[in-house]
């Protein structure tokens, strides 16, 4: 599958450009967005989410980035993090993440940390829910959202590591940041973080109502996959395993 943007650095904001990885799938959309952050004129660069361990993609990242001073991970899912070790080997830059298992030669990242490099300041926001280790990064008037907010569609709450209560709290927190650009881990950038998180919250409430109705139909002890077959009947079955994770998270939320 060929996408016209594979291998091409595309500027999005004064501080952020994106390279699209060649790993398209129903879960990753066109592929993983690898973000490069730097101030205009800076000779160094921060890389956010190297993406898969794809030598062609990582060579394109190095060619576009120049000197890489740091590699930051929004979370540990392999479509975002698998290339981190190889990129570190190519650049000697430290890999920083919330999860200690994902760190390579660098310090951890956590709520309120500020990463100052390449002429930019990146504020770290803890946004668990999609996964327990999910982070977002605010830079300028934009927020890099990883898989917490996607550029198209909605994300999976990856139960049991991801929890719906945490995810709803994270969406509300991002909503309070107001009108900022969304630079997602997959899909196109979006202009209004507050608007998209409001839509996400409405969608989650709608799904919860559908799950409640399914439980009334199927019985309170219905399995997650039974609920998926009812609630996601109009969704391509290839996505049902991912939907089952979200339904498990919804059932936990409703049954607590």
C-alpha atoms as a PDB file:
ATOM      1  CA  UNK A   1       0.000   0.000   0.000  1.00  0.00           C
ATOM      2  CA  UNK A   2       1.455   3.348  -1.064  1.00  0.00           C
ATOM      3  CA  UNK A   3       0.551   6.701   0.416  1.00  0.00           C
ATOM      4  CA  UNK A   4       1.724   9.923  -1.253  1.00  0.00           C
ATOM      5  CA  UNK A   5       3.112  11.242   2.033  1.00  0.00           C
ATOM      6  CA  UNK A   6       5.322   8.268   2.959  1.00  0.00           C
ATOM      7  CA  UNK A   7       8.898   9.474   3.409  1.00  0.00           C
ATOM      8  CA  UNK A   8       8.022  13.150   3.003  1.00  0.00           C
ATOM      9  CA  UNK A   9       8.489  15.621   5.846  1.00  0.00           C
ATOM     10  CA  UNK A  10       5.402  17.817   6.079  1.00  0.00           C
ATOM     11  CA  UNK A  11       5.451  21.043   8.162  1.00  0.00           C
ATOM     12  CA  UNK A  12       2.260  21.474  10.214  1.00  0.00           C
ATOM     13  CA  UNK A  13       2.963  24.255  12.745  1.00  0.00           C
ATOM     14  CA  UNK A  14       5.947  26.610  13.184  1.00  0.00           C
ATOM     15  CA  UNK A  15       7.394  24.041  15.618  1.00  0.00           C
ATOM     16  CA  UNK A  16       6.128  20.673  14.373  1.00  0.00           C
ATOM     17  CA  UNK A  17       6.559  18.604  11.216  1.00  0.00           C
ATOM     18  CA  UNK A  18       5.409  15.054  10.563  1.00  0.00           C
ATOM     19  CA  UNK A  19       6.689  11.951   8.795  1.00  0.00           C
ATOM     20  CA  UNK A  20       4.162   9.200   8.083  1.00  0.00           C
ATOM     21  CA  UNK A  21       5.382   5.655   8.751  1.00  0.00           C
ATOM     22  CA  UNK A  22       4.625   2.842   6.316  1.00  0.00           C
ATOM     23  CA  UNK A  23       2.502   0.760   8.682  1.00  0.00           C
ATOM     24  CA  UNK A  24      -1.111   1.242   7.555  1.00  0.00           C
ATOM     25  CA  UNK A  25      -3.801  -0.966   9.098  1.00  0.00           C
ATOM     26  CA  UNK A  26      -7.365  -0.711  10.390  1.00  0.00           C
ATOM     27  CA  UNK A  27      -5.878   0.242  13.775  1.00  0.00           C
ATOM     28  CA  UNK A  28      -3.138   2.631  12.606  1.00  0.00           C
ATOM     29  CA  UNK A  29      -5.127   4.297   9.785  1.00  0.00           C
ATOM     30  CA  UNK A  30      -2.630   5.495   7.130  1.00  0.00           C
ATOM     31  CA  UNK A  31       0.247   4.737   9.499  1.00  0.00           C
ATOM     32  CA  UNK A  32       1.955   6.171  12.570  1.00  0.00           C
ATOM     33  CA  UNK A  33       2.740   9.885  12.654  1.00  0.00           C
ATOM     34  CA  UNK A  34       6.326  10.523  13.737  1.00  0.00           C
ATOM     35  CA  UNK A  35       6.554  14.151  14.866  1.00  0.00           C
ATOM     36  CA  UNK A  36       9.688  16.298  14.678  1.00  0.00           C
ATOM     37  CA  UNK A  37       9.780  19.334  16.977  1.00  0.00           C
ATOM     38  CA  UNK A  38      12.150  22.287  16.688  1.00  0.00           C
ATOM     39  CA  UNK A  39      12.106  26.058  16.549  1.00  0.00           C
ATOM     40  CA  UNK A  40      12.668  27.701  13.171  1.00  0.00           C
ATOM     41  CA  UNK A  41      16.380  27.811  12.480  1.00  0.00           C
ATOM     42  CA  UNK A  42      17.285  25.229  15.119  1.00  0.00           C
ATOM     43  CA  UNK A  43      19.948  22.726  14.118  1.00  0.00           C
ATOM     44  CA  UNK A  44      18.659  20.115  16.548  1.00  0.00           C
ATOM     45  CA  UNK A  45      15.402  18.231  16.843  1.00  0.00           C
ATOM     46  CA  UNK A  46      13.142  16.292  19.213  1.00  0.00           C
ATOM     47  CA  UNK A  47      11.482  13.176  17.783  1.00  0.00           C
ATOM     48  CA  UNK A  48       8.094  12.085  19.108  1.00  0.00           C
ATOM     49  CA  UNK A  49       7.089   8.439  18.515  1.00  0.00           C
ATOM     50  CA  UNK A  50       9.635   6.907  16.103  1.00  0.00           C
ATOM     51  CA  UNK A  51       6.985   4.422  15.021  1.00  0.00           C
ATOM     52  CA  UNK A  52       7.691   0.873  13.842  1.00  0.00           C
ATOM     53  CA  UNK A  53      11.157  -0.634  13.495  1.00  0.00           C
ATOM     54  CA  UNK A  54      11.222   0.144   9.782  1.00  0.00           C
ATOM     55  CA  UNK A  55      14.734   0.982   8.505  1.00  0.00           C
ATOM     56  CA  UNK A  56      13.423   3.073   5.587  1.00  0.00           C
ATOM     57  CA  UNK A  57      11.223   5.144   7.889  1.00  0.00           C
ATOM     58  CA  UNK A  58      13.957   5.630  10.471  1.00  0.00           C
ATOM     59  CA  UNK A  59      16.455   6.685   7.797  1.00  0.00           C
ATOM     60  CA  UNK A  60      13.918   9.248   6.610  1.00  0.00           C
ATOM     61  CA  UNK A  61      13.540  10.499  10.192  1.00  0.00           C
ATOM     62  CA  UNK A  62      17.305  10.896  10.593  1.00  0.00           C
ATOM     63  CA  UNK A  63      17.637  12.642   7.228  1.00  0.00           C
ATOM     64  CA  UNK A  64      14.855  15.093   8.092  1.00  0.00           C
ATOM     65  CA  UNK A  65      15.846  15.646  11.708  1.00  0.00           C
ATOM     66  CA  UNK A  66      19.548  16.306  11.522  1.00  0.00           C
ATOM     67  CA  UNK A  67      20.910  16.173  15.070  1.00  0.00           C
ATOM     68  CA  UNK A  68      18.373  14.440  17.337  1.00  0.00           C
ATOM     69  CA  UNK A  69      18.663  15.544  20.968  1.00  0.00           C
ATOM     70  CA  UNK A  70      15.856  13.421  22.396  1.00  0.00           C
ATOM     71  CA  UNK A  71      13.229  10.807  21.583  1.00  0.00           C
ATOM     72  CA  UNK A  72       9.924  11.031  23.464  1.00  0.00           C
ATOM     73  CA  UNK A  73       7.203   8.360  23.535  1.00  0.00           C
ATOM     74  CA  UNK A  74       3.498   9.051  23.972  1.00  0.00           C
ATOM     75  CA  UNK A  75       3.068   5.414  25.093  1.00  0.00           C
ATOM     76  CA  UNK A  76       4.587   1.995  24.641  1.00  0.00           C
ATOM     77  CA  UNK A  77       2.435   0.397  21.927  1.00  0.00           C
ATOM     78  CA  UNK A  78       4.756  -1.025  19.284  1.00  0.00           C
ATOM     79  CA  UNK A  79       3.380   1.012  16.401  1.00  0.00           C
ATOM     80  CA  UNK A  80       4.725   4.058  18.279  1.00  0.00           C
ATOM     81  CA  UNK A  81       7.771   2.700  20.096  1.00  0.00           C
ATOM     82  CA  UNK A  82       9.267  -0.289  18.262  1.00  0.00           C
ATOM     83  CA  UNK A  83      11.681   1.910  16.308  1.00  0.00           C
ATOM     84  CA  UNK A  84      12.999   3.727  19.370  1.00  0.00           C
ATOM     85  CA  UNK A  85      15.992   1.464  20.034  1.00  0.00           C
ATOM     86  CA  UNK A  86      17.117   1.567  16.399  1.00  0.00           C
ATOM     87  CA  UNK A  87      16.710   5.349  16.255  1.00  0.00           C
ATOM     88  CA  UNK A  88      18.751   5.683  19.433  1.00  0.00           C
ATOM     89  CA  UNK A  89      21.461   3.534  17.853  1.00  0.00           C
ATOM     90  CA  UNK A  90      21.498   5.818  14.822  1.00  0.00           C
ATOM     91  CA  UNK A  91      21.487   9.095  16.756  1.00  0.00           C
ATOM     92  CA  UNK A  92      22.670   8.316  20.316  1.00  0.00           C
ATOM     93  CA  UNK A  93      19.685  10.326  21.551  1.00  0.00           C
ATOM     94  CA  UNK A  94      18.052   9.187  24.818  1.00  0.00           C
ATOM     95  CA  UNK A  95      14.566   7.669  24.746  1.00  0.00           C
ATOM     96  CA  UNK A  96      12.254   9.085  27.406  1.00  0.00           C
ATOM     97  CA  UNK A  97       8.871   7.684  28.420  1.00  0.00           C
ATOM     98  CA  UNK A  98       6.565   7.273  31.390  1.00  0.00           C
ATOM     99  CA  UNK A  99       7.045   3.493  31.482  1.00  0.00           C
ATOM    100  CA  UNK A 100      10.544   2.619  32.783  1.00  0.00           C
ATOM    101  CA  UNK A 101      10.633  -0.371  30.437  1.00  0.00           C
ATOM    102  CA  UNK A 102      10.510   1.992  27.451  1.00  0.00           C
ATOM    103  CA  UNK A 103      13.352   4.281  28.544  1.00  0.00           C
ATOM    104  CA  UNK A 104      16.756   3.952  26.891  1.00  0.00           C
ATOM    105  CA  UNK A 105      19.542   6.098  28.286  1.00  0.00           C
ATOM    106  CA  UNK A 106      17.173   8.832  29.390  1.00  0.00           C
ATOM    107  CA  UNK A 107      15.131   9.989  32.336  1.00  0.00           C
ATOM    108  CA  UNK A 108      11.478   9.265  32.808  1.00  0.00           C
ATOM    109  CA  UNK A 109       8.650  11.533  31.773  1.00  0.00           C
ATOM    110  CA  UNK A 110       5.729  12.489  33.982  1.00  0.00           C
ATOM    111  CA  UNK A 111       2.995  14.987  34.637  1.00  0.00           C
ATOM    112  CA  UNK A 112       4.228  18.589  34.586  1.00  0.00           C
ATOM    113  CA  UNK A 113       7.708  17.858  33.251  1.00  0.00           C
ATOM    114  CA  UNK A 114       9.058  20.358  30.744  1.00  0.00           C
ATOM    115  CA  UNK A 115      11.448  19.178  28.042  1.00  0.00           C
ATOM    116  CA  UNK A 116      13.424  22.138  26.729  1.00  0.00           C
ATOM    117  CA  UNK A 117      15.398  21.324  23.586  1.00  0.00           C
ATOM    118  CA  UNK A 118      15.718  22.316  19.932  1.00  0.00           C
ATOM    119  CA  UNK A 119      14.456  25.795  20.813  1.00  0.00           C
ATOM    120  CA  UNK A 120      11.069  24.558  22.046  1.00  0.00           C
ATOM    121  CA  UNK A 121       9.508  23.787  25.425  1.00  0.00           C
ATOM    122  CA  UNK A 122       7.364  20.675  25.617  1.00  0.00           C
ATOM    123  CA  UNK A 123       4.970  20.362  28.560  1.00  0.00           C
ATOM    124  CA  UNK A 124       4.215  16.763  29.517  1.00  0.00           C
ATOM    125  CA  UNK A 125       0.590  15.912  30.338  1.00  0.00           C
ATOM    126  CA  UNK A 126      -0.324  12.587  31.948  1.00  0.00           C
ATOM    127  CA  UNK A 127      -3.400  11.356  30.048  1.00  0.00           C
ATOM    128  CA  UNK A 128      -4.020   7.714  31.002  1.00  0.00           C
ATOM    129  CA  UNK A 129      -6.946   5.785  29.577  1.00  0.00           C
ATOM    130  CA  UNK A 130      -5.977   4.445  26.171  1.00  0.00           C
ATOM    131  CA  UNK A 131      -3.119   2.888  28.124  1.00  0.00           C
ATOM    132  CA  UNK A 132      -1.911   3.487  31.659  1.00  0.00           C
ATOM    133  CA  UNK A 133       1.296   5.102  30.356  1.00  0.00           C
ATOM    134  CA  UNK A 134      -0.294   7.460  27.813  1.00  0.00           C
ATOM    135  CA  UNK A 135       1.125  10.988  27.660  1.00  0.00           C
ATOM    136  CA  UNK A 136       0.307  14.074  25.622  1.00  0.00           C
ATOM    137  CA  UNK A 137       2.783  16.837  24.813  1.00  0.00           C
ATOM    138  CA  UNK A 138       1.835  20.515  24.613  1.00  0.00           C
ATOM    139  CA  UNK A 139       4.072  22.726  22.494  1.00  0.00           C
ATOM    140  CA  UNK A 140       3.133  26.214  21.367  1.00  0.00           C
ATOM    141  CA  UNK A 141      -0.547  26.297  20.459  1.00  0.00           C
ATOM    142  CA  UNK A 142      -0.709  22.576  19.685  1.00  0.00           C
ATOM    143  CA  UNK A 143      -0.968  19.294  21.602  1.00  0.00           C
ATOM    144  CA  UNK A 144       0.538  16.014  20.445  1.00  0.00           C
ATOM    145  CA  UNK A 145      -2.063  13.498  21.527  1.00  0.00           C
ATOM    146  CA  UNK A 146      -0.634  10.083  20.624  1.00  0.00           C
ATOM    147  CA  UNK A 147      -3.562   7.657  20.627  1.00  0.00           C
ATOM    148  CA  UNK A 148      -5.574   9.598  23.214  1.00  0.00           C
ATOM    149  CA  UNK A 149      -7.152  11.614  20.395  1.00  0.00           C
ATOM    150  CA  UNK A 150      -6.889  10.454  16.780  1.00  0.00           C
ATOM    151  CA  UNK A 151      -7.160  12.497  13.624  1.00  0.00           C
ATOM    152  CA  UNK A 152      -9.962  10.283  12.333  1.00  0.00           C
ATOM    153  CA  UNK A 153     -12.394   8.061  14.219  1.00  0.00           C
ATOM    154  CA  UNK A 154     -12.050   7.230  17.895  1.00  0.00           C
ATOM    155  CA  UNK A 155      -9.487   5.298  19.882  1.00  0.00           C
ATOM    156  CA  UNK A 156      -9.555   2.028  21.803  1.00  0.00           C
ATOM    157  CA  UNK A 157      -9.501   1.907  25.576  1.00  0.00           C
ATOM    158  CA  UNK A 158      -7.068  -0.995  25.749  1.00  0.00           C
ATOM    159  CA  UNK A 159      -8.458  -2.914  28.740  1.00  0.00           C
ATOM    160  CA  UNK A 160      -7.139  -3.987  31.217  1.00  0.00           C
ATOM    161  CA  UNK A 161      -4.185  -1.596  30.969  1.00  0.00           C
ATOM    162  CA  UNK A 162      -6.495   1.151  29.764  1.00  0.00           C
ATOM    163  CA  UNK A 163      -9.401   2.209  31.981  1.00  0.00           C
ATOM    164  CA  UNK A 164     -12.477   4.118  30.854  1.00  0.00           C
ATOM    165  CA  UNK A 165     -12.744   6.243  34.013  1.00  0.00           C
ATOM    166  CA  UNK A 166      -9.164   7.431  33.475  1.00  0.00           C
ATOM    167  CA  UNK A 167      -9.817   8.040  29.793  1.00  0.00           C
ATOM    168  CA  UNK A 168     -12.882  10.193  30.442  1.00  0.00           C
ATOM    169  CA  UNK A 169     -10.900  12.225  32.978  1.00  0.00           C
ATOM    170  CA  UNK A 170      -8.096  12.691  30.436  1.00  0.00           C
ATOM    171  CA  UNK A 171     -10.539  13.846  27.752  1.00  0.00           C
ATOM    172  CA  UNK A 172     -12.046  16.387  30.151  1.00  0.00           C
ATOM    173  CA  UNK A 173      -8.594  17.644  31.010  1.00  0.00           C
ATOM    174  CA  UNK A 174      -7.674  18.093  27.351  1.00  0.00           C
ATOM    175  CA  UNK A 175     -11.025  19.774  26.718  1.00  0.00           C
ATOM    176  CA  UNK A 176     -10.097  22.432  29.282  1.00  0.00           C
ATOM    177  CA  UNK A 177      -7.015  23.371  27.242  1.00  0.00           C
ATOM    178  CA  UNK A 178      -9.324  25.061  24.746  1.00  0.00           C
ATOM    179  CA  UNK A 179      -8.848  25.693  21.053  1.00  0.00           C
ATOM    180  CA  UNK A 180      -5.490  24.207  20.210  1.00  0.00           C
ATOM    181  CA  UNK A 181      -4.335  22.226  17.220  1.00  0.00           C
ATOM    182  CA  UNK A 182      -4.427  18.437  17.613  1.00  0.00           C
ATOM    183  CA  UNK A 183      -1.311  16.640  16.347  1.00  0.00           C
ATOM    184  CA  UNK A 184      -2.376  12.977  16.651  1.00  0.00           C
ATOM    185  CA  UNK A 185      -0.492   9.696  16.546  1.00  0.00           C
ATOM    186  CA  UNK A 186      -2.588   8.577  13.567  1.00  0.00           C
ATOM    187  CA  UNK A 187      -4.633  10.465  11.013  1.00  0.00           C
ATOM    188  CA  UNK A 188      -4.687  14.135  10.023  1.00  0.00           C
ATOM    189  CA  UNK A 189      -4.164  17.052  12.366  1.00  0.00           C
ATOM    190  CA  UNK A 190      -7.305  18.755  13.678  1.00  0.00           C
ATOM    191  CA  UNK A 191      -7.871  22.468  14.418  1.00  0.00           C
ATOM    192  CA  UNK A 192      -9.752  22.440  17.736  1.00  0.00           C
ATOM    193  CA  UNK A 193      -8.838  20.217  20.693  1.00  0.00           C
ATOM    194  CA  UNK A 194     -11.809  21.372  22.771  1.00  0.00           C
ATOM    195  CA  UNK A 195     -14.267  20.539  19.999  1.00  0.00           C
ATOM    196  CA  UNK A 196     -12.861  17.094  19.264  1.00  0.00           C
ATOM    197  CA  UNK A 197     -12.667  16.088  22.925  1.00  0.00           C
ATOM    198  CA  UNK A 198     -16.266  17.244  23.401  1.00  0.00           C
ATOM    199  CA  UNK A 199     -17.245  14.984  20.508  1.00  0.00           C
ATOM    200  CA  UNK A 200     -15.235  12.114  22.008  1.00  0.00           C
ATOM    201  CA  UNK A 201     -16.974  12.518  25.359  1.00  0.00           C
ATOM    202  CA  UNK A 202     -20.383  12.526  23.682  1.00  0.00           C
ATOM    203  CA  UNK A 203     -19.445   9.424  21.703  1.00  0.00           C
ATOM    204  CA  UNK A 204     -18.327   7.596  24.857  1.00  0.00           C
ATOM    205  CA  UNK A 205     -21.581   8.436  26.618  1.00  0.00           C
ATOM    206  CA  UNK A 206     -23.535   7.211  23.605  1.00  0.00           C
ATOM    207  CA  UNK A 207     -21.587   3.937  23.618  1.00  0.00           C
ATOM    208  CA  UNK A 208     -22.195   3.511  27.345  1.00  0.00           C
ATOM    209  CA  UNK A 209     -25.928   3.894  26.757  1.00  0.00           C
ATOM    210  CA  UNK A 210     -25.736   1.298  23.990  1.00  0.00           C
ATOM    211  CA  UNK A 211     -23.875  -1.105  26.277  1.00  0.00           C
ATOM    212  CA  UNK A 212     -26.469  -0.577  29.018  1.00  0.00           C
ATOM    213  CA  UNK A 213     -29.227  -1.374  26.499  1.00  0.00           C
ATOM    214  CA  UNK A 214     -27.361  -4.470  25.307  1.00  0.00           C
ATOM    215  CA  UNK A 215     -27.039  -5.723  28.882  1.00  0.00           C
ATOM    216  CA  UNK A 216     -30.778  -5.280  29.361  1.00  0.00           C
ATOM    217  CA  UNK A 217     -31.312  -7.372  26.240  1.00  0.00           C
ATOM    218  CA  UNK A 218     -28.643 -10.013  26.896  1.00  0.00           C
ATOM    219  CA  UNK A 219     -28.629 -10.127  30.675  1.00  0.00           C
ATOM    220  CA  UNK A 220     -26.233  -8.582  33.206  1.00  0.00           C
ATOM    221  CA  UNK A 221     -23.660 -11.371  32.884  1.00  0.00           C
ATOM    222  CA  UNK A 222     -23.315 -11.156  29.094  1.00  0.00           C
ATOM    223  CA  UNK A 223     -19.797 -11.549  27.741  1.00  0.00           C
ATOM    224  CA  UNK A 224     -17.927  -8.652  26.187  1.00  0.00           C
ATOM    225  CA  UNK A 225     -18.035 -10.270  22.741  1.00  0.00           C
ATOM    226  CA  UNK A 226     -21.777 -10.812  23.003  1.00  0.00           C
ATOM    227  CA  UNK A 227     -22.120  -7.087  23.677  1.00  0.00           C
ATOM    228  CA  UNK A 228     -19.808  -6.292  20.745  1.00  0.00           C
ATOM    229  CA  UNK A 229     -22.043  -8.260  18.381  1.00  0.00           C
ATOM    230  CA  UNK A 230     -24.991  -6.086  19.409  1.00  0.00           C
ATOM    231  CA  UNK A 231     -23.399  -2.660  19.846  1.00  0.00           C
ATOM    232  CA  UNK A 232     -20.896  -2.895  16.985  1.00  0.00           C
ATOM    233  CA  UNK A 233     -23.097  -4.797  14.537  1.00  0.00           C
ATOM    234  CA  UNK A 234     -22.548  -2.099  11.894  1.00  0.00           C
ATOM    235  CA  UNK A 235     -18.742  -2.103  12.321  1.00  0.00           C
ATOM    236  CA  UNK A 236     -16.391  -4.193  10.172  1.00  0.00           C
ATOM    237  CA  UNK A 237     -15.794  -7.447  12.120  1.00  0.00           C
ATOM    238  CA  UNK A 238     -12.049  -7.021  11.582  1.00  0.00           C
ATOM    239  CA  UNK A 239     -12.294  -4.302  14.249  1.00  0.00           C
ATOM    240  CA  UNK A 240     -14.282  -6.413  16.718  1.00  0.00           C
ATOM    241  CA  UNK A 241     -11.234  -7.621  18.707  1.00  0.00           C
ATOM    242  CA  UNK A 242     -10.315  -3.974  19.358  1.00  0.00           C
ATOM    243  CA  UNK A 243     -13.950  -3.159  20.106  1.00  0.00           C
ATOM    244  CA  UNK A 244     -13.989  -6.012  22.619  1.00  0.00           C
ATOM    245  CA  UNK A 245     -11.196  -4.307  24.577  1.00  0.00           C
ATOM    246  CA  UNK A 246     -13.232  -1.110  24.757  1.00  0.00           C
ATOM    247  CA  UNK A 247     -16.368  -3.034  25.739  1.00  0.00           C
ATOM    248  CA  UNK A 248     -14.444  -4.773  28.533  1.00  0.00           C
ATOM    249  CA  UNK A 249     -13.423  -1.316  29.752  1.00  0.00           C
ATOM    250  CA  UNK A 250     -17.047  -0.136  29.504  1.00  0.00           C
ATOM    251  CA  UNK A 251     -18.326  -3.153  31.407  1.00  0.00           C
ATOM    252  CA  UNK A 252     -15.762  -2.607  34.144  1.00  0.00           C
ATOM    253  CA  UNK A 253     -16.847   1.035  34.341  1.00  0.00           C
ATOM    254  CA  UNK A 254     -20.545   0.164  34.561  1.00  0.00           C
ATOM    255  CA  UNK A 255     -20.097  -2.719  37.029  1.00  0.00           C
ATOM    256  CA  UNK A 256     -17.799  -0.987  39.492  1.00  0.00           C
END
